Amino acid sequence: MFAAGEAVAVAVSGGADSVALLYVLRELAPRLGIVLSVIHLNHKLRGAESDADQEFVGALAERLKLPFRTESAEIRELALSSGDNLEQAARHFRYQWFTQLISSGAAAKVAVGHTLSDQAETVLLRLLRGSGSAGLSAIRPVRDDGVVRPLLDVSREQVEDFLRTIKAEWREDSTNADLSLDRNRLRHQLMPQLRHEWNPNLPAVLARTAQWARDEEAYWSQVLSETVPRLLRRDHGEAVEFSVTELNKLPVALARRILRQAVMMTRGDLRDVDWDHIERLRDLAAARRGTGAVHLPGLDALRSFDIMRLRSGADEGGSPDFSVALQPPQVVAIPGGSTMIVLELAPGIAERSGSEGEYNNRRAETLDWERVPKPLRLRNWRPGDHYRPVGRSSARKLKVLFQQSRTPVWKRKGWPVLVGPASGCGSGEVPPADERISEVVVWARAFGVAAEFEPGAATRCFLRISEIDREDSEFNRTDWV
């Protein structure tokens, strides 16, 4: 929990738990080789009482000859702006401050005074709210961010007995008696009743449940570290995609955890996401129909064919409409995407476009440049677009090709196509991007070039089309238009 030489900031509210923690660590500090300081957060919730707590802790730090640092926050205002309740807002600010202290180098660890009694109450509260084993793991002795709880195996009764033995004073927070708060009702009413009528050792039993749940979570973390990279993938932006077929092959327990991880990757947290939400995602994945949507707090889940896509509420998905005039040779970045379309003109021996040949180690397709209608334009697919790709006996709507190729609906909006004027070949001026003209599709991503513009034995100039990643250094050049 501590390493020799570490600076440890002890978070002291003035209550019995944190005061006891300070006295214990002050006694152990020489043996542990740690350097202590005292920190206090004034939540400004109880007026003069909050200020008196701050003065008490400051005086205690001075008496113990320890450095003292304080911070204050208008928690009530923070709660109103964030939508949190007061307890949540206070906790968020408190741990944000702890993290800042650690990241700034003011402390290597922050020690807080949670006890076995706090642990038991947290387990019971989460159990009543329907938490799974991740929630039941409750308060962790050591957090990844450097916050530690040295008293987690000590009950509140033991803490108070210790303080009386050393004749130390502490302060009582008047809000701890407010029975309108869930935790206070559980602490003062439900827990005593359960201990009296069911099990006097209940706090220890619940604390063992937390340890059991933590061990379970450690195992599942290892399983997830092996499964998540194989199953979940990020689309550009914050969206997360996965195969429902692969998900449905997994044991139910693992599938639920994969879905929780997908939500976490999309939103950054699991706040307000409960059992029912995860089950709705499982139902969508298991449905026989290949389309559907589920709306969860802070995100949308869309299914198309075999793929499910989770996106945050701020991520509308897909690419914007675009239309770009072309004058090859040219490289055009697809708006909203991660690729570029490369257009090159090349004389030489005819090559068959339908073979999806390779050119300079990248996938390339070719058109007969002299027969292609001009001027060309690169734009996204639009409803009604149709053409006859090489190898097809008749024209097809791109919508039908999408369905046949099982292309998810969210990938279609920014799907690139090359079009030219339907009036035929020409080399006139490039019209404005918004000019309404009748167009013919000469190429579409994945479906290839149009059959009527396929190169032949008499082709004298080829238009080579390839799509590459934007990071391809070969095309990060200043001589491309």
Protein backbone atom coordinates (compact mmCIF):
# COMPACT_ATOMS: atom_id res chain seq x y z
CA MET A 1 0.00 0.00 0.00
CA PHE A 2 2.90 2.36 0.79
CA ALA A 3 6.50 2.47 -0.36
CA ALA A 4 9.38 3.90 1.63
CA GLY A 5 9.99 7.54 0.83
CA GLU A 6 6.49 8.23 -0.45
CA ALA A 7 4.67 11.44 0.42
CA VAL A 8 1.24 10.48 1.76
CA ALA A 9 -1.55 13.03 2.09
CA VAL A 10 -4.09 12.00 4.72
CA ALA A 11 -7.61 13.21 3.86
CA VAL A 12 -9.14 14.30 7.19
CA SER A 13 -12.74 15.46 7.38
CA GLY A 14 -12.72 15.80 11.16
CA GLY A 15 -14.85 12.69 11.69
CA ALA A 16 -13.77 9.72 13.79
CA ASP A 17 -12.58 7.51 10.90
CA SER A 18 -10.24 10.02 9.29
CA VAL A 19 -8.92 11.34 12.62
CA ALA A 20 -8.09 7.78 13.70
CA LEU A 21 -6.38 7.17 10.37
CA LEU A 22 -4.19 10.23 10.89
CA TYR A 23 -3.12 9.15 14.37
CA VAL A 24 -2.37 5.60 13.21
CA LEU A 25 -0.29 6.72 10.21
CA ARG A 26 1.57 9.29 12.30
CA GLU A 27 2.56 6.47 14.64
CA LEU A 28 3.58 4.16 11.78
CA ALA A 29 5.24 6.74 9.52
CA PRO A 30 8.80 6.34 10.86
CA ARG A 31 8.57 2.56 10.53
CA LEU A 32 7.05 2.75 7.02
CA GLY A 33 9.42 5.46 5.87
CA ILE A 34 6.61 7.70 4.60
CA VAL A 35 6.23 11.49 4.85
CA LEU A 36 2.78 12.71 5.95
CA SER A 37 0.71 15.79 5.28
CA VAL A 38 -2.91 16.60 6.09
CA ILE A 39 -5.51 17.67 3.52
CA HIS A 40 -9.09 18.83 4.07
CA LEU A 41 -11.93 19.66 1.67
CA ASN A 42 -14.55 22.16 2.82
CA HIS A 43 -17.76 21.29 0.97
CA LYS A 44 -19.49 24.54 2.07
CA LEU A 45 -22.71 22.60 2.71
CA ARG A 46 -23.22 23.29 6.42
CA GLY A 47 -22.19 26.92 6.75
CA ALA A 48 -20.42 27.66 10.03
CA GLU A 49 -20.28 23.95 10.86
CA SER A 50 -18.24 23.25 7.71
CA ASP A 51 -15.87 26.11 8.54
CA ALA A 52 -15.51 24.80 12.10
CA ASP A 53 -14.54 21.36 10.70
CA GLN A 54 -11.81 23.03 8.64
CA GLU A 55 -10.51 24.92 11.68
CA PHE A 56 -10.52 21.71 13.75
CA VAL A 57 -8.50 19.78 11.18
CA GLY A 58 -6.07 22.68 10.71
CA ALA A 59 -5.48 22.85 14.45
CA LEU A 60 -4.99 19.06 14.63
CA ALA A 61 -2.39 19.18 11.85
CA GLU A 62 -0.57 22.01 13.63
CA ARG A 63 -0.61 20.10 16.93
CA LEU A 64 0.85 17.04 15.21
CA LYS A 65 3.39 19.26 13.40
CA LEU A 66 2.24 18.18 9.93
CA PRO A 67 1.87 20.29 6.77
CA PHE A 68 -1.76 21.26 6.12
CA ARG A 69 -3.47 21.94 2.79
CA THR A 70 -7.12 22.84 2.33
CA GLU A 71 -9.50 23.32 -0.58
CA SER A 72 -13.11 24.46 -0.73
CA ALA A 73 -15.91 23.95 -3.24
CA GLU A 74 -19.49 25.13 -3.62
CA ILE A 75 -20.83 21.58 -3.87
CA ARG A 76 -24.45 22.69 -4.03
CA GLU A 77 -23.75 24.73 -7.18
CA LEU A 78 -21.72 21.89 -8.70
CA ALA A 79 -24.60 19.48 -8.11
CA LEU A 80 -27.07 21.83 -9.80
CA SER A 81 -24.84 22.28 -12.86
CA SER A 82 -23.97 18.58 -13.22
CA GLY A 83 -27.34 17.05 -12.35
CA ASP A 84 -25.73 14.97 -9.58
CA ASN A 85 -27.12 14.73 -6.08
CA LEU A 86 -25.06 16.39 -3.33
CA GLU A 87 -23.33 13.17 -2.29
CA GLN A 88 -22.28 12.35 -5.87
CA ALA A 89 -21.13 15.90 -6.60
CA ALA A 90 -19.06 16.00 -3.40
CA ARG A 91 -17.47 12.64 -4.18
CA HIS A 92 -16.63 13.60 -7.77
CA PHE A 93 -14.98 16.85 -6.70
CA ARG A 94 -13.17 15.19 -3.82
CA TYR A 95 -11.56 12.49 -5.95
CA GLN A 96 -10.80 14.95 -8.71
CA TRP A 97 -8.87 17.00 -6.15
CA PHE A 98 -7.06 13.90 -4.89
CA THR A 99 -6.04 13.04 -8.45
CA GLN A 100 -4.76 16.57 -9.05
CA LEU A 101 -2.64 16.41 -5.89
CA ILE A 102 -1.09 13.14 -7.02
CA SER A 103 -0.53 14.20 -10.64
CA SER A 104 1.05 17.51 -9.51
CA GLY A 105 3.55 15.65 -7.32
CA ALA A 106 2.19 17.08 -4.06
CA ALA A 107 1.60 13.49 -2.90
CA ALA A 108 2.33 9.98 -4.12
CA LYS A 109 -0.72 8.56 -2.32
CA VAL A 110 -3.87 9.94 -0.72
CA ALA A 111 -5.09 7.96 2.30
CA VAL A 112 -8.79 8.08 3.19
CA GLY A 113 -10.57 6.73 6.25
CA HIS A 114 -13.08 4.24 4.89
CA THR A 115 -13.68 1.38 7.33
CA LEU A 116 -15.09 -2.14 7.28
CA SER A 117 -18.43 -0.60 8.34
CA ASP A 118 -18.41 1.66 5.25
CA GLN A 119 -17.58 -1.36 3.14
CA ALA A 120 -20.49 -3.38 4.56
CA GLU A 121 -22.94 -0.51 4.04
CA THR A 122 -21.78 -0.03 0.46
CA VAL A 123 -22.18 -3.74 -0.37
CA LEU A 124 -25.67 -3.86 1.13
CA LEU A 125 -26.74 -0.63 -0.57
CA ARG A 126 -25.53 -1.84 -3.97
CA LEU A 127 -27.10 -5.23 -3.46
CA LEU A 128 -30.45 -3.56 -2.76
CA ARG A 129 -30.03 -1.52 -5.95
CA GLY A 130 -29.35 -4.62 -8.05
CA SER A 131 -25.59 -4.42 -8.63
CA GLY A 132 -23.69 -7.34 -10.12
CA SER A 133 -20.39 -8.62 -8.78
CA ALA A 134 -18.52 -5.61 -10.18
CA GLY A 135 -20.63 -3.34 -7.99
CA LEU A 136 -20.46 -5.68 -5.02
CA SER A 137 -16.67 -5.45 -5.03
CA ALA A 138 -17.51 -2.06 -3.52
CA ILE A 139 -14.67 -0.09 -1.90
CA ARG A 140 -11.21 -1.17 -3.05
CA PRO A 141 -8.27 -1.01 -0.62
CA VAL A 142 -6.00 0.42 -3.32
CA ARG A 143 -7.23 2.34 -6.34
CA ASP A 144 -5.32 2.70 -9.59
CA ASP A 145 -5.23 6.49 -9.16
CA GLY A 146 -3.24 6.33 -5.89
CA VAL A 147 -6.07 6.59 -3.35
CA VAL A 148 -5.66 4.02 -0.53
CA ARG A 149 -7.86 2.88 2.41
CA PRO A 150 -5.69 1.54 5.25
CA LEU A 151 -8.61 1.05 7.70
CA LEU A 152 -10.81 -1.09 5.46
CA ASP A 153 -10.48 -4.10 7.80
CA VAL A 154 -11.35 -2.06 10.91
CA SER A 155 -14.93 -1.46 12.08
CA ARG A 156 -16.35 1.92 13.08
CA GLU A 157 -16.77 0.67 16.65
CA GLN A 158 -13.06 -0.23 16.80
CA VAL A 159 -12.13 3.19 15.46
CA GLU A 160 -14.10 5.00 18.15
CA ASP A 161 -12.74 2.71 20.88
CA PHE A 162 -9.20 3.54 19.71
CA LEU A 163 -9.86 7.29 19.81
CA ARG A 164 -11.32 7.08 23.31
CA THR A 165 -8.30 5.08 24.46
CA ILE A 166 -5.87 7.77 23.29
CA LYS A 167 -8.27 10.51 24.45
CA ALA A 168 -8.50 12.06 20.99
CA GLU A 169 -11.36 14.28 19.93
CA TRP A 170 -13.29 14.20 16.67
CA ARG A 171 -16.26 16.00 15.16
CA GLU A 172 -19.70 14.65 14.28
CA ASP A 173 -21.23 15.67 10.95
CA SER A 174 -24.83 16.68 11.66
CA THR A 175 -25.92 15.41 8.23
CA ASN A 176 -25.04 11.86 9.30
CA ALA A 177 -28.30 11.86 11.26
CA ASP A 178 -30.41 12.93 8.26
CA LEU A 179 -32.68 9.93 7.60
CA SER A 180 -33.79 11.32 4.24
CA LEU A 181 -30.44 10.04 2.87
CA ASP A 182 -30.36 6.38 1.79
CA ARG A 183 -27.03 5.58 3.43
CA ASN A 184 -28.09 7.07 6.76
CA ARG A 185 -31.31 5.06 6.83
CA LEU A 186 -29.33 1.93 6.07
CA ARG A 187 -26.71 2.78 8.73
CA HIS A 188 -29.06 3.76 11.54
CA GLN A 189 -32.13 1.59 10.83
CA LEU A 190 -31.68 -1.33 8.45
CA MET A 191 -28.18 -2.50 9.42
CA PRO A 192 -28.89 -2.54 13.20
CA GLN A 193 -32.13 -4.44 12.57
CA LEU A 194 -30.38 -7.04 10.39
CA ARG A 195 -27.57 -7.48 12.92
CA HIS A 196 -30.05 -7.88 15.75
CA GLU A 197 -32.52 -10.19 14.01
CA TRP A 198 -30.36 -12.08 11.50
CA ASN A 199 -26.59 -11.99 11.95
CA PRO A 200 -24.63 -9.95 14.52
CA ASN A 201 -21.53 -10.48 12.37
CA LEU A 202 -23.20 -9.05 9.27
CA PRO A 203 -20.64 -6.25 8.56
CA ALA A 204 -17.81 -8.79 8.39
CA VAL A 205 -19.91 -11.10 6.20
CA LEU A 206 -20.66 -8.28 3.77
CA ALA A 207 -17.02 -7.24 3.74
CA ARG A 208 -16.07 -10.83 2.81
CA THR A 209 -18.63 -10.63 0.02
CA ALA A 210 -16.79 -7.58 -1.30
CA GLN A 211 -13.49 -9.48 -1.20
CA TRP A 212 -15.07 -12.43 -3.00
CA ALA A 213 -16.45 -10.07 -5.66
CA ARG A 214 -13.04 -8.37 -6.09
CA ASP A 215 -11.38 -11.73 -6.66
CA GLU A 216 -14.09 -12.61 -9.20
CA GLU A 217 -13.53 -9.30 -10.97
CA ALA A 218 -9.77 -9.89 -11.08
CA TYR A 219 -10.41 -13.18 -12.88
CA TRP A 220 -12.85 -11.59 -15.32
CA SER A 221 -10.44 -8.75 -16.01
CA GLN A 222 -7.93 -11.29 -17.25
CA VAL A 223 -10.55 -12.99 -19.44
CA LEU A 224 -11.70 -9.64 -20.84
CA SER A 225 -8.13 -8.56 -21.61
CA GLU A 226 -7.92 -11.57 -23.93
CA THR A 227 -11.43 -11.35 -25.42
CA VAL A 228 -12.13 -7.63 -25.85
CA PRO A 229 -9.36 -6.89 -28.41
CA ARG A 230 -10.60 -9.81 -30.52
CA LEU A 231 -14.28 -8.90 -30.41
CA LEU A 232 -14.63 -5.14 -29.98
CA ARG A 233 -13.27 -2.62 -32.43
CA ARG A 234 -13.43 1.16 -32.58
CA ASP A 235 -14.88 2.84 -35.60
CA HIS A 236 -13.44 6.29 -36.34
CA GLY A 237 -14.60 8.60 -33.56
CA GLU A 238 -16.00 7.12 -30.35
CA ALA A 239 -18.22 4.40 -31.82
CA VAL A 240 -17.60 0.74 -30.93
CA GLU A 241 -18.61 -2.16 -33.20
CA PHE A 242 -18.75 -5.92 -32.83
CA SER A 243 -20.17 -9.03 -34.47
CA VAL A 244 -23.39 -10.23 -32.84
CA THR A 245 -22.68 -13.72 -34.16
CA GLU A 246 -19.41 -13.81 -32.24
CA LEU A 247 -21.04 -12.32 -29.15
CA ASN A 248 -23.84 -14.90 -29.18
CA LYS A 249 -21.28 -17.73 -29.21
CA LEU A 250 -19.99 -16.65 -25.78
CA PRO A 251 -21.27 -17.86 -22.40
CA VAL A 252 -23.93 -15.47 -21.10
CA ALA A 253 -21.75 -14.27 -18.21
CA LEU A 254 -18.95 -13.30 -20.57
CA ALA A 255 -21.32 -11.76 -23.12
CA ARG A 256 -22.77 -9.46 -20.45
CA ARG A 257 -19.29 -8.32 -19.47
CA ILE A 258 -18.32 -7.72 -23.08
CA LEU A 259 -21.39 -5.52 -23.47
CA ARG A 260 -20.53 -3.61 -20.30
CA GLN A 261 -17.03 -3.08 -21.66
CA ALA A 262 -18.45 -1.86 -24.99
CA VAL A 263 -20.59 0.68 -23.11
CA MET A 264 -17.56 1.73 -21.05
CA MET A 265 -15.45 2.21 -24.20
CA THR A 266 -18.21 4.28 -25.81
CA ARG A 267 -19.24 6.47 -22.87
CA GLY A 268 -16.20 6.38 -20.61
CA ASP A 269 -18.22 5.12 -17.63
CA LEU A 270 -21.15 2.89 -16.63
CA ARG A 271 -23.09 5.45 -14.67
CA ASP A 272 -26.88 4.88 -14.76
CA VAL A 273 -26.39 1.71 -16.85
CA ASP A 274 -28.07 -1.21 -15.10
CA TRP A 275 -29.01 -4.85 -15.62
CA ASP A 276 -32.02 -4.06 -17.81
CA HIS A 277 -29.93 -1.97 -20.19
CA ILE A 278 -27.39 -4.76 -20.71
CA GLU A 279 -30.19 -7.29 -21.22
CA ARG A 280 -31.77 -5.06 -23.86
CA LEU A 281 -28.47 -5.08 -25.72
CA ARG A 282 -28.33 -8.87 -25.45
CA ASP A 283 -31.88 -9.13 -26.77
CA LEU A 284 -30.99 -6.94 -29.74
CA ALA A 285 -27.95 -9.10 -30.47
CA ALA A 286 -29.99 -12.30 -30.24
CA ALA A 287 -32.93 -11.09 -32.34
CA ARG A 288 -33.58 -12.98 -35.57
CA ARG A 289 -34.13 -9.71 -37.45
CA GLY A 290 -30.91 -8.07 -38.59
CA THR A 291 -31.93 -4.48 -37.87
CA GLY A 292 -32.92 -2.62 -34.74
CA ALA A 293 -31.93 0.01 -32.19
CA VAL A 294 -31.76 0.38 -28.41
CA HIS A 295 -31.41 3.70 -26.61
CA LEU A 296 -29.44 3.68 -23.35
CA PRO A 297 -28.39 6.54 -21.07
CA GLY A 298 -25.79 8.48 -23.04
CA LEU A 299 -25.60 6.19 -26.05
CA ASP A 300 -27.46 4.51 -28.90
CA ALA A 301 -26.99 0.92 -30.03
CA LEU A 302 -27.72 0.19 -33.70
CA ARG A 303 -27.77 -3.22 -35.34
CA SER A 304 -27.46 -3.83 -39.05
CA PHE A 305 -27.07 -7.40 -40.32
CA ASP A 306 -24.36 -9.04 -38.17
CA ILE A 307 -22.86 -5.83 -36.78
CA MET A 308 -23.90 -3.88 -33.69
CA ARG A 309 -22.62 -0.34 -33.27
CA LEU A 310 -22.62 1.62 -30.03
CA ARG A 311 -22.21 5.36 -30.30
CA SER A 312 -22.41 8.16 -27.75
CA GLY A 313 -25.25 10.62 -27.85
CA ALA A 314 -22.87 13.29 -29.18
CA ASP A 315 -21.69 11.03 -32.03
CA GLU A 316 -24.25 11.06 -34.83
CA GLY A 317 -22.24 8.52 -36.79
CA GLY A 318 -21.64 8.25 -40.50
CA SER A 319 -19.94 10.83 -42.72
CA PRO A 320 -21.25 14.16 -43.97
CA ASP A 321 -22.57 14.71 -47.48
CA PHE A 322 -19.78 15.75 -49.81
CA SER A 323 -19.15 16.48 -53.47
CA VAL A 324 -15.69 17.23 -54.88
CA ALA A 325 -14.81 18.23 -58.45
CA LEU A 326 -11.97 16.13 -59.89
CA GLN A 327 -9.13 16.75 -62.32
CA PRO A 328 -6.85 13.69 -62.15
CA PRO A 329 -4.14 13.00 -61.14
CA GLN A 330 -5.41 13.82 -57.67
CA VAL A 331 -5.71 12.63 -54.09
CA VAL A 332 -8.93 13.41 -52.23
CA ALA A 333 -9.51 12.85 -48.52
CA ILE A 334 -13.01 11.51 -47.86
CA PRO A 335 -14.71 13.95 -45.47
CA GLY A 336 -15.52 12.40 -42.10
CA GLY A 337 -13.55 9.25 -42.93
CA SER A 338 -10.04 7.90 -42.45
CA THR A 339 -9.17 7.17 -46.09
CA MET A 340 -8.24 8.95 -49.30
CA ILE A 341 -9.15 8.26 -52.91
CA VAL A 342 -6.11 8.25 -55.20
CA LEU A 343 -6.69 8.95 -58.92
CA GLU A 344 -3.79 8.38 -61.33
CA LEU A 345 -3.50 8.52 -65.12
CA ALA A 346 -1.25 5.91 -66.71
CA PRO A 347 -0.59 4.79 -70.30
CA GLY A 348 0.44 1.26 -71.07
CA ILE A 349 -0.74 -2.29 -71.58
CA ALA A 350 -4.43 -2.83 -70.89
CA GLU A 351 -5.30 -4.57 -67.64
CA ARG A 352 -8.57 -6.12 -66.66
CA SER A 353 -10.40 -3.89 -64.18
CA GLY A 354 -12.65 -6.56 -62.72
CA SER A 355 -9.70 -8.47 -61.27
CA GLU A 356 -9.11 -5.93 -58.49
CA GLY A 357 -5.44 -5.85 -59.40
CA GLU A 358 -2.58 -4.47 -57.34
CA TYR A 359 -0.71 -1.30 -58.22
CA ASN A 360 2.28 -0.29 -56.08
CA ASN A 361 1.12 -2.83 -53.45
CA ARG A 362 -2.33 -1.36 -53.02
CA ARG A 363 -5.77 -2.37 -54.25
CA ALA A 364 -6.47 -0.55 -57.52
CA GLU A 365 -9.20 -0.56 -60.17
CA THR A 366 -9.02 0.96 -63.65
CA LEU A 367 -11.23 2.79 -66.10
CA ASP A 368 -10.73 3.74 -69.73
CA TRP A 369 -9.92 7.42 -69.23
CA GLU A 370 -10.83 8.45 -72.76
CA ARG A 371 -14.32 6.94 -72.51
CA VAL A 372 -15.16 8.13 -69.00
CA PRO A 373 -17.73 10.98 -68.98
CA LYS A 374 -16.16 14.23 -67.84
CA PRO A 375 -15.89 16.24 -65.69
CA LEU A 376 -15.75 13.69 -62.89
CA ARG A 377 -17.00 14.26 -59.38
CA LEU A 378 -16.37 12.30 -56.16
CA ARG A 379 -19.37 12.33 -53.85
CA ASN A 380 -21.16 10.19 -51.31
CA TRP A 381 -23.81 7.67 -52.34
CA ARG A 382 -27.34 9.01 -52.65
CA PRO A 383 -30.67 7.17 -52.84
CA GLY A 384 -31.46 6.26 -56.44
CA ASP A 385 -27.83 5.77 -57.51
CA HIS A 386 -27.50 2.72 -59.75
CA TYR A 387 -25.10 1.25 -62.31
CA ARG A 388 -23.86 -2.02 -63.80
CA PRO A 389 -20.57 -3.08 -62.20
CA VAL A 390 -18.15 -5.22 -64.16
CA GLY A 391 -19.30 -8.84 -63.99
CA ARG A 392 -23.00 -8.01 -63.56
CA SER A 393 -25.52 -8.73 -66.27
CA SER A 394 -27.69 -5.72 -65.49
CA ALA A 395 -27.73 -2.48 -63.55
CA ARG A 396 -28.31 -2.58 -59.80
CA LYS A 397 -29.23 0.09 -57.32
CA LEU A 398 -26.49 0.69 -54.79
CA LYS A 399 -29.11 0.12 -52.10
CA VAL A 400 -29.52 -3.45 -53.39
CA LEU A 401 -25.74 -3.93 -53.56
CA PHE A 402 -25.49 -2.75 -49.95
CA GLN A 403 -28.06 -5.31 -48.90
CA GLN A 404 -26.44 -8.11 -50.87
CA SER A 405 -23.02 -7.30 -49.42
CA ARG A 406 -24.53 -6.86 -45.92
CA THR A 407 -23.08 -3.38 -45.55
CA PRO A 408 -24.25 -1.83 -42.24
CA VAL A 409 -26.57 1.15 -42.65
CA TRP A 410 -24.27 3.60 -40.81
CA LYS A 411 -21.44 2.97 -43.28
CA ARG A 412 -23.54 3.88 -46.31
CA LYS A 413 -24.00 7.64 -45.90
CA GLY A 414 -20.39 8.53 -46.66
CA TRP A 415 -19.89 5.75 -49.23
CA PRO A 416 -17.72 7.21 -52.05
CA VAL A 417 -18.77 7.01 -55.70
CA LEU A 418 -17.32 8.55 -58.85
CA VAL A 419 -19.87 10.13 -61.16
CA GLY A 420 -19.85 11.96 -64.46
CA PRO A 421 -22.45 13.75 -66.58
CA ALA A 422 -24.95 11.38 -68.14
CA SER A 423 -24.76 13.32 -71.42
CA GLY A 424 -21.56 11.50 -72.26
CA CYS A 425 -17.87 12.21 -72.58
CA GLY A 426 -16.51 15.68 -72.59
CA SER A 427 -13.80 17.92 -71.22
CA GLY A 428 -15.68 21.08 -70.46
CA GLU A 429 -15.35 23.31 -67.43
CA VAL A 430 -16.03 21.77 -64.02
CA PRO A 431 -19.53 22.86 -62.91
CA PRO A 432 -20.19 24.19 -59.38
CA ALA A 433 -20.57 21.46 -56.74
CA ASP A 434 -24.23 22.27 -56.14
CA GLU A 435 -25.30 22.32 -59.78
CA ARG A 436 -28.13 19.86 -60.45
CA ILE A 437 -27.20 17.63 -63.39
CA SER A 438 -28.05 14.11 -64.44
CA GLU A 439 -25.16 11.85 -63.46
CA VAL A 440 -23.93 8.36 -64.19
CA VAL A 441 -21.97 6.27 -61.68
CA VAL A 442 -18.61 5.14 -63.08
CA TRP A 443 -17.17 3.60 -59.89
CA ALA A 444 -18.27 2.80 -56.31
CA ARG A 445 -16.26 1.63 -53.34
CA ALA A 446 -16.17 -2.19 -53.01
CA PHE A 447 -18.43 -2.70 -56.05
CA GLY A 448 -15.91 -1.64 -58.69
CA VAL A 449 -16.01 0.17 -62.01
CA ALA A 450 -18.93 0.46 -64.37
CA ALA A 451 -18.91 -2.16 -67.13
CA GLU A 452 -19.37 0.37 -69.96
CA PHE A 453 -16.13 2.14 -69.02
CA GLU A 454 -14.04 -1.01 -68.51
CA PRO A 455 -10.64 -0.84 -70.25
CA GLY A 456 -10.16 -2.98 -73.32
CA ALA A 457 -7.48 -3.92 -75.81
CA ALA A 458 -7.72 -0.50 -77.45
CA THR A 459 -7.42 1.49 -74.23
CA ARG A 460 -4.65 4.09 -74.50
CA CYS A 461 -4.93 5.75 -71.08
CA PHE A 462 -6.02 4.31 -67.80
CA LEU A 463 -7.58 6.04 -64.81
CA ARG A 464 -6.40 4.07 -61.80
CA ILE A 465 -8.53 4.35 -58.65
CA SER A 466 -7.37 3.21 -55.24
CA GLU A 467 -8.37 3.92 -51.66
CA ILE A 468 -5.68 4.24 -49.02
CA ASP A 469 -5.40 5.13 -45.36
CA ARG A 470 -4.75 8.80 -44.65
CA GLU A 471 -1.56 7.85 -42.78
CA ASP A 472 0.03 6.32 -45.89
CA SER A 473 3.29 8.27 -46.11
CA GLU A 474 3.60 7.61 -49.85
CA PHE A 475 0.85 10.12 -50.47
CA ASN A 476 1.71 12.76 -47.85
CA ARG A 477 3.27 14.82 -50.60
CA THR A 478 2.99 18.45 -51.58
CA ASP A 479 2.77 17.79 -55.34
CA TRP A 480 -0.74 16.28 -55.12
CA VAL A 481 -3.65 18.63 -55.71
